[in-house]
């Protein structure tokens, strides 16, 4: 399970450190792609990525084509180097608006990479009452 919140700096070559706990969970290589829910990136183990896109592969191609293209055209399969860093392709860095500092967040079966500024704004706008209500509706 991926959990926790970490801050790391994107270096001049667009490399960013992925926490050791995450690397153990993700395996030797994993997938990083744009989020379609905002200006941040999502990363998945190869197995979790295949599970994520499975519903798209079960519908007619006409229905899923645009979505698959959106997800795959900038998706990158990455492997951490000996120092635990991954290279983020420029289109992914630009999508997330990462200039220097990034936040890496574990979200259970996937993780997110945000620019520090975007993440801080999102957290500041969180409505804890709405989240509590949603959890209670689920019986939690």
N, C-alpha and C. Protein backbone atom coordinates (compact mmCIF):
# COMPACT_ATOMS: atom_id res chain seq x y z
N UNK A 1 0.84 -1.18 0.00
CA UNK A 1 0.00 0.00 0.00
C UNK A 1 0.88 1.24 0.00
N UNK A 2 0.57 2.16 -0.87
CA UNK A 2 1.30 3.43 -0.94
C UNK A 2 0.61 4.43 -0.02
N UNK A 3 1.35 4.95 0.93
CA UNK A 3 0.78 5.95 1.84
C UNK A 3 1.86 6.92 2.27
N UNK A 4 1.42 8.08 2.68
CA UNK A 4 2.35 9.11 3.14
C UNK A 4 2.47 10.25 2.15
N UNK A 5 3.14 11.30 2.62
CA UNK A 5 3.33 12.51 1.84
C UNK A 5 4.79 12.90 1.95
N UNK A 6 5.43 13.13 0.83
CA UNK A 6 6.86 13.44 0.79
C UNK A 6 7.10 14.63 -0.11
N UNK A 7 8.11 15.41 0.20
CA UNK A 7 8.50 16.55 -0.64
C UNK A 7 9.92 16.32 -1.14
N UNK A 8 10.07 16.49 -2.45
CA UNK A 8 11.39 16.35 -3.06
C UNK A 8 11.54 17.38 -4.17
N UNK A 9 12.77 17.67 -4.51
CA UNK A 9 13.07 18.67 -5.53
C UNK A 9 13.30 17.98 -6.87
N UNK A 10 12.72 18.56 -7.91
CA UNK A 10 12.96 18.12 -9.27
C UNK A 10 14.29 18.71 -9.70
N UNK A 11 15.23 17.88 -10.14
CA UNK A 11 16.54 18.42 -10.52
C UNK A 11 16.51 18.98 -11.94
N UNK A 12 17.61 19.54 -12.38
CA UNK A 12 17.67 20.21 -13.69
C UNK A 12 17.46 19.24 -14.86
N UNK A 13 17.58 17.94 -14.63
CA UNK A 13 17.36 16.94 -15.68
C UNK A 13 15.97 16.30 -15.58
N UNK A 14 15.09 16.90 -14.77
CA UNK A 14 13.72 16.41 -14.55
C UNK A 14 13.69 15.06 -13.84
N UNK A 15 14.65 14.83 -12.96
CA UNK A 15 14.65 13.61 -12.16
C UNK A 15 14.11 13.95 -10.78
N UNK A 16 13.35 13.02 -10.22
CA UNK A 16 12.81 13.22 -8.88
C UNK A 16 12.95 11.93 -8.09
N UNK A 17 13.23 12.07 -6.82
CA UNK A 17 13.42 10.93 -5.92
C UNK A 17 12.07 10.34 -5.56
N UNK A 18 11.98 9.03 -5.64
CA UNK A 18 10.79 8.30 -5.21
C UNK A 18 11.15 7.58 -3.91
N UNK A 19 10.37 7.79 -2.84
CA UNK A 19 10.70 7.16 -1.55
C UNK A 19 10.90 5.64 -1.66
N UNK A 20 11.84 5.13 -0.88
CA UNK A 20 12.19 3.71 -0.90
C UNK A 20 10.97 2.83 -0.65
N UNK A 21 10.11 3.22 0.29
CA UNK A 21 8.90 2.43 0.56
C UNK A 21 8.04 2.29 -0.68
N UNK A 22 7.93 3.37 -1.45
CA UNK A 22 7.14 3.33 -2.67
C UNK A 22 7.81 2.43 -3.70
N UNK A 23 9.13 2.56 -3.85
CA UNK A 23 9.85 1.76 -4.84
C UNK A 23 9.69 0.27 -4.54
N UNK A 24 9.70 -0.10 -3.28
CA UNK A 24 9.52 -1.51 -2.91
C UNK A 24 8.15 -2.00 -3.35
N UNK A 25 7.15 -1.19 -3.19
CA UNK A 25 5.78 -1.56 -3.55
C UNK A 25 5.57 -1.55 -5.07
N UNK A 26 6.19 -0.62 -5.76
CA UNK A 26 5.96 -0.44 -7.19
C UNK A 26 6.71 -1.42 -8.07
N UNK A 27 7.85 -1.91 -7.60
CA UNK A 27 8.65 -2.83 -8.38
C UNK A 27 9.74 -2.13 -9.17
N UNK A 28 10.40 -2.89 -10.03
CA UNK A 28 11.55 -2.37 -10.79
C UNK A 28 11.18 -1.27 -11.77
N UNK A 29 9.99 -1.33 -12.31
CA UNK A 29 9.51 -0.26 -13.19
C UNK A 29 8.03 -0.04 -12.90
N UNK A 30 7.58 1.17 -13.21
CA UNK A 30 6.18 1.51 -12.99
C UNK A 30 5.77 2.57 -13.99
N UNK A 31 4.48 2.88 -14.02
CA UNK A 31 3.91 3.78 -15.02
C UNK A 31 3.57 5.12 -14.38
N UNK A 32 3.98 6.21 -15.05
CA UNK A 32 3.62 7.57 -14.64
C UNK A 32 2.84 8.18 -15.79
N UNK A 33 1.70 8.80 -15.47
CA UNK A 33 0.87 9.41 -16.50
C UNK A 33 0.20 10.66 -15.96
N UNK A 34 -0.36 11.44 -16.87
CA UNK A 34 -1.12 12.64 -16.47
C UNK A 34 -2.40 12.22 -15.79
N UNK A 35 -2.83 13.00 -14.84
CA UNK A 35 -4.16 12.79 -14.28
C UNK A 35 -5.16 13.48 -15.18
N UNK A 36 -6.33 12.91 -15.32
CA UNK A 36 -7.39 13.59 -16.06
C UNK A 36 -8.30 14.34 -15.09
N UNK A 37 -7.92 14.37 -13.82
CA UNK A 37 -8.73 15.07 -12.81
C UNK A 37 -8.08 16.36 -12.32
N UNK A 38 -6.96 16.74 -12.92
CA UNK A 38 -6.32 17.97 -12.49
C UNK A 38 -4.88 18.04 -12.94
N UNK A 39 -4.20 19.08 -12.48
CA UNK A 39 -2.80 19.31 -12.87
C UNK A 39 -1.86 18.57 -11.94
N UNK A 40 -1.86 17.27 -12.04
CA UNK A 40 -0.94 16.44 -11.28
C UNK A 40 -0.73 15.14 -12.05
N UNK A 41 0.23 14.35 -11.57
CA UNK A 41 0.56 13.08 -12.22
C UNK A 41 0.11 11.93 -11.33
N UNK A 42 -0.14 10.79 -11.94
CA UNK A 42 -0.45 9.58 -11.20
C UNK A 42 0.58 8.53 -11.56
N UNK A 43 0.94 7.69 -10.59
CA UNK A 43 1.84 6.59 -10.89
C UNK A 43 1.30 5.30 -10.29
N UNK A 44 1.56 4.20 -11.03
CA UNK A 44 1.00 2.90 -10.72
C UNK A 44 2.05 1.82 -10.93
N UNK A 45 1.98 0.76 -10.14
CA UNK A 45 2.77 -0.42 -10.49
C UNK A 45 2.22 -0.90 -11.83
N UNK A 46 2.98 -1.70 -12.54
CA UNK A 46 2.51 -2.20 -13.84
C UNK A 46 1.21 -2.97 -13.66
N UNK A 47 1.12 -3.77 -12.61
CA UNK A 47 -0.11 -4.54 -12.34
C UNK A 47 -1.29 -3.61 -12.05
N UNK A 48 -1.08 -2.59 -11.21
CA UNK A 48 -2.16 -1.66 -10.88
C UNK A 48 -2.58 -0.86 -12.11
N UNK A 49 -1.63 -0.52 -12.97
CA UNK A 49 -1.95 0.19 -14.21
C UNK A 49 -2.85 -0.67 -15.09
N UNK A 50 -2.50 -1.93 -15.24
CA UNK A 50 -3.31 -2.83 -16.06
C UNK A 50 -4.72 -2.96 -15.50
N UNK A 51 -4.84 -3.01 -14.18
CA UNK A 51 -6.17 -3.07 -13.55
C UNK A 51 -6.93 -1.77 -13.78
N UNK A 52 -6.22 -0.64 -13.72
CA UNK A 52 -6.84 0.68 -13.90
C UNK A 52 -7.44 0.82 -15.29
N UNK A 53 -6.70 0.38 -16.31
CA UNK A 53 -7.19 0.57 -17.68
C UNK A 53 -8.05 -0.59 -18.18
N UNK A 54 -8.17 -1.66 -17.40
CA UNK A 54 -8.96 -2.82 -17.83
C UNK A 54 -10.38 -2.45 -18.27
N UNK A 55 -11.11 -1.58 -17.55
CA UNK A 55 -12.45 -1.24 -18.00
C UNK A 55 -12.46 -0.61 -19.39
N UNK A 56 -11.41 0.12 -19.74
CA UNK A 56 -11.34 0.74 -21.07
C UNK A 56 -11.15 -0.29 -22.17
N UNK A 57 -10.52 -1.39 -21.81
CA UNK A 57 -10.28 -2.43 -22.80
C UNK A 57 -11.48 -3.36 -22.97
N UNK A 58 -12.49 -3.20 -22.11
CA UNK A 58 -13.66 -4.07 -22.20
C UNK A 58 -14.83 -3.42 -22.92
N UNK A 59 -14.66 -2.18 -23.35
CA UNK A 59 -15.72 -1.50 -24.09
C UNK A 59 -15.29 -1.35 -25.54
N UNK A 60 -16.25 -1.10 -26.44
CA UNK A 60 -15.87 -0.92 -27.85
C UNK A 60 -14.81 0.16 -28.02
N UNK A 61 -13.89 -0.07 -28.92
CA UNK A 61 -12.77 0.84 -29.17
C UNK A 61 -13.27 2.26 -29.45
N UNK A 62 -14.39 2.38 -30.13
CA UNK A 62 -14.97 3.69 -30.44
C UNK A 62 -15.22 4.49 -29.16
N UNK A 63 -15.60 3.80 -28.10
CA UNK A 63 -15.89 4.45 -26.82
C UNK A 63 -14.63 4.83 -26.07
N UNK A 64 -13.59 4.01 -26.18
CA UNK A 64 -12.40 4.21 -25.35
C UNK A 64 -11.23 4.89 -26.04
N UNK A 65 -11.28 5.04 -27.35
CA UNK A 65 -10.13 5.53 -28.11
C UNK A 65 -9.55 6.85 -27.59
N UNK A 66 -10.39 7.85 -27.43
CA UNK A 66 -9.90 9.16 -26.98
C UNK A 66 -9.26 9.08 -25.60
N UNK A 67 -9.88 8.32 -24.72
CA UNK A 67 -9.35 8.19 -23.36
C UNK A 67 -8.01 7.45 -23.37
N UNK A 68 -7.93 6.36 -24.10
CA UNK A 68 -6.68 5.61 -24.19
C UNK A 68 -5.57 6.49 -24.77
N UNK A 69 -5.89 7.24 -25.80
CA UNK A 69 -4.91 8.13 -26.41
C UNK A 69 -4.44 9.17 -25.39
N UNK A 70 -5.38 9.75 -24.66
CA UNK A 70 -5.03 10.76 -23.64
C UNK A 70 -4.09 10.17 -22.59
N UNK A 71 -4.42 8.99 -22.11
CA UNK A 71 -3.62 8.38 -21.05
C UNK A 71 -2.25 7.91 -21.54
N UNK A 72 -2.21 7.31 -22.71
CA UNK A 72 -0.98 6.69 -23.19
C UNK A 72 0.00 7.64 -23.88
N UNK A 73 -0.49 8.73 -24.46
CA UNK A 73 0.43 9.53 -25.27
C UNK A 73 1.54 10.17 -24.47
N UNK A 74 1.33 10.40 -23.21
CA UNK A 74 2.41 10.95 -22.39
C UNK A 74 2.78 10.01 -21.24
N UNK A 75 2.18 8.84 -21.20
CA UNK A 75 2.53 7.88 -20.14
C UNK A 75 3.96 7.42 -20.35
N UNK A 76 4.63 7.18 -19.24
CA UNK A 76 6.02 6.71 -19.31
C UNK A 76 6.20 5.55 -18.35
N UNK A 77 6.83 4.50 -18.84
CA UNK A 77 7.24 3.42 -17.94
C UNK A 77 8.64 3.81 -17.47
N UNK A 78 8.79 3.97 -16.19
CA UNK A 78 10.05 4.46 -15.62
C UNK A 78 10.67 3.43 -14.70
N UNK A 79 11.98 3.51 -14.55
CA UNK A 79 12.73 2.66 -13.64
C UNK A 79 13.64 3.54 -12.81
N UNK A 80 13.57 3.44 -11.50
CA UNK A 80 14.44 4.27 -10.66
C UNK A 80 15.92 3.94 -10.90
N UNK A 81 16.75 4.99 -10.85
CA UNK A 81 18.19 4.78 -10.96
C UNK A 81 18.74 4.31 -9.62
N UNK A 82 20.04 4.18 -9.51
CA UNK A 82 20.67 3.66 -8.29
C UNK A 82 20.45 4.58 -7.09
N UNK A 83 20.08 5.83 -7.34
CA UNK A 83 19.81 6.77 -6.25
C UNK A 83 18.32 6.91 -5.95
N UNK A 84 17.49 6.11 -6.62
CA UNK A 84 16.05 6.13 -6.36
C UNK A 84 15.29 7.21 -7.12
N UNK A 85 15.92 7.80 -8.14
CA UNK A 85 15.27 8.86 -8.92
C UNK A 85 14.68 8.30 -10.20
N UNK A 86 13.59 8.92 -10.63
CA UNK A 86 13.03 8.60 -11.94
C UNK A 86 13.12 9.85 -12.81
N UNK A 87 13.18 9.63 -14.10
CA UNK A 87 13.20 10.73 -15.06
C UNK A 87 11.77 10.97 -15.53
N UNK A 88 11.28 12.19 -15.29
CA UNK A 88 9.94 12.56 -15.75
C UNK A 88 10.06 13.24 -17.11
N UNK A 89 9.40 12.73 -18.13
CA UNK A 89 9.43 13.39 -19.44
C UNK A 89 8.86 14.80 -19.34
N UNK A 90 9.37 15.69 -20.16
CA UNK A 90 8.97 17.11 -20.15
C UNK A 90 7.45 17.29 -20.22
N UNK A 91 6.70 16.58 -21.10
CA UNK A 91 5.24 16.80 -21.13
C UNK A 91 4.57 16.52 -19.77
N UNK A 92 5.07 15.56 -19.02
CA UNK A 92 4.49 15.29 -17.70
C UNK A 92 4.82 16.40 -16.72
N UNK A 93 6.05 16.88 -16.74
CA UNK A 93 6.46 17.99 -15.86
C UNK A 93 5.61 19.22 -16.17
N UNK A 94 5.42 19.50 -17.46
CA UNK A 94 4.63 20.66 -17.85
C UNK A 94 3.17 20.51 -17.44
N UNK A 95 2.61 19.32 -17.61
CA UNK A 95 1.21 19.10 -17.23
C UNK A 95 1.00 19.39 -15.74
N UNK A 96 1.93 18.93 -14.90
CA UNK A 96 1.80 19.12 -13.46
C UNK A 96 2.26 20.50 -13.00
N UNK A 97 2.93 21.24 -13.87
CA UNK A 97 3.41 22.57 -13.49
C UNK A 97 4.52 22.53 -12.45
N UNK A 98 5.30 21.47 -12.46
CA UNK A 98 6.38 21.35 -11.47
C UNK A 98 7.56 22.20 -11.93
N UNK A 99 7.94 23.14 -11.09
CA UNK A 99 9.08 23.99 -11.39
C UNK A 99 10.29 23.54 -10.58
N UNK A 100 10.12 23.34 -9.31
CA UNK A 100 11.24 22.92 -8.47
C UNK A 100 10.80 21.85 -7.46
N UNK A 101 9.97 22.25 -6.51
CA UNK A 101 9.57 21.32 -5.45
C UNK A 101 8.29 20.58 -5.83
N UNK A 102 8.28 19.28 -5.51
CA UNK A 102 7.11 18.45 -5.80
C UNK A 102 6.69 17.70 -4.55
N UNK A 103 5.43 17.36 -4.49
CA UNK A 103 4.87 16.55 -3.41
C UNK A 103 4.51 15.20 -4.00
N UNK A 104 4.94 14.16 -3.32
CA UNK A 104 4.66 12.79 -3.75
C UNK A 104 3.76 12.18 -2.69
N UNK A 105 2.58 11.75 -3.11
CA UNK A 105 1.56 11.31 -2.16
C UNK A 105 1.16 9.87 -2.50
N UNK A 106 1.09 9.04 -1.47
CA UNK A 106 0.59 7.68 -1.64
C UNK A 106 -0.92 7.69 -1.49
N UNK A 107 -1.62 6.99 -2.39
CA UNK A 107 -3.08 6.94 -2.38
C UNK A 107 -3.58 5.49 -2.43
N UNK A 108 -2.91 4.62 -1.68
CA UNK A 108 -3.33 3.22 -1.65
C UNK A 108 -2.70 2.42 -2.75
N UNK A 109 -3.45 2.19 -3.85
CA UNK A 109 -2.92 1.37 -4.94
C UNK A 109 -2.26 2.20 -6.04
N UNK A 110 -2.19 3.50 -5.86
CA UNK A 110 -1.49 4.39 -6.79
C UNK A 110 -0.93 5.57 -6.02
N UNK A 111 -0.13 6.39 -6.70
CA UNK A 111 0.42 7.58 -6.07
C UNK A 111 0.23 8.78 -6.96
N UNK A 112 0.47 9.95 -6.39
CA UNK A 112 0.34 11.20 -7.14
C UNK A 112 1.61 12.03 -6.98
N UNK A 113 1.93 12.81 -8.01
CA UNK A 113 3.03 13.76 -7.96
C UNK A 113 2.45 15.12 -8.34
N UNK A 114 2.59 16.08 -7.43
CA UNK A 114 2.04 17.43 -7.60
C UNK A 114 3.17 18.45 -7.54
N UNK A 115 2.97 19.59 -8.19
CA UNK A 115 3.84 20.72 -7.89
C UNK A 115 3.48 21.12 -6.46
N UNK A 116 4.45 21.56 -5.70
CA UNK A 116 4.20 21.93 -4.30
C UNK A 116 3.12 23.00 -4.21
N UNK A 117 3.14 23.97 -5.12
CA UNK A 117 2.16 25.06 -5.08
C UNK A 117 0.75 24.55 -5.34
N UNK A 118 0.58 23.72 -6.36
CA UNK A 118 -0.75 23.17 -6.67
C UNK A 118 -1.28 22.32 -5.52
N UNK A 119 -0.38 21.52 -4.94
CA UNK A 119 -0.79 20.64 -3.85
C UNK A 119 -1.23 21.44 -2.63
N UNK A 120 -0.45 22.45 -2.28
CA UNK A 120 -0.81 23.29 -1.12
C UNK A 120 -2.15 23.97 -1.33
N UNK A 121 -2.41 24.44 -2.56
CA UNK A 121 -3.70 25.07 -2.86
C UNK A 121 -4.83 24.05 -2.74
N UNK A 122 -4.62 22.83 -3.23
CA UNK A 122 -5.65 21.79 -3.15
C UNK A 122 -5.94 21.44 -1.70
N UNK A 123 -4.90 21.28 -0.89
CA UNK A 123 -5.09 20.95 0.52
C UNK A 123 -5.81 22.08 1.26
N UNK A 124 -5.45 23.32 0.94
CA UNK A 124 -6.11 24.47 1.58
C UNK A 124 -7.60 24.52 1.25
N UNK A 125 -7.96 24.03 0.07
CA UNK A 125 -9.36 24.07 -0.36
C UNK A 125 -10.15 22.83 0.07
N UNK A 126 -9.50 21.88 0.72
CA UNK A 126 -10.20 20.66 1.15
C UNK A 126 -11.34 21.01 2.10
N UNK A 127 -12.44 20.34 1.91
CA UNK A 127 -13.60 20.51 2.77
C UNK A 127 -13.72 19.26 3.64
N UNK A 128 -13.16 19.31 4.84
CA UNK A 128 -13.14 18.12 5.70
C UNK A 128 -14.55 17.68 6.09
N UNK A 129 -15.48 18.60 6.18
CA UNK A 129 -16.87 18.23 6.50
C UNK A 129 -17.47 17.40 5.36
N UNK A 130 -17.24 17.80 4.13
CA UNK A 130 -17.74 17.07 2.98
C UNK A 130 -17.10 15.68 2.90
N UNK A 131 -15.82 15.59 3.19
CA UNK A 131 -15.12 14.31 3.19
C UNK A 131 -15.69 13.41 4.28
N UNK A 132 -15.93 13.97 5.47
CA UNK A 132 -16.50 13.19 6.57
C UNK A 132 -17.87 12.66 6.19
N UNK A 133 -18.70 13.49 5.59
CA UNK A 133 -20.04 13.07 5.18
C UNK A 133 -19.98 11.94 4.15
N UNK A 134 -19.07 12.05 3.20
CA UNK A 134 -18.90 11.01 2.18
C UNK A 134 -18.48 9.69 2.83
N UNK A 135 -17.56 9.76 3.78
CA UNK A 135 -17.12 8.56 4.49
C UNK A 135 -18.26 7.93 5.29
N UNK A 136 -19.04 8.77 5.95
CA UNK A 136 -20.16 8.25 6.73
C UNK A 136 -21.22 7.59 5.84
N UNK A 137 -21.44 8.15 4.65
CA UNK A 137 -22.39 7.54 3.70
C UNK A 137 -21.94 6.14 3.29
N UNK A 138 -20.65 5.93 3.30
CA UNK A 138 -20.08 4.62 2.97
C UNK A 138 -20.02 3.69 4.19
N UNK A 139 -20.45 4.20 5.33
CA UNK A 139 -20.44 3.38 6.54
C UNK A 139 -19.11 3.36 7.26
N UNK A 140 -18.26 4.30 6.96
CA UNK A 140 -16.94 4.35 7.61
C UNK A 140 -16.94 5.34 8.76
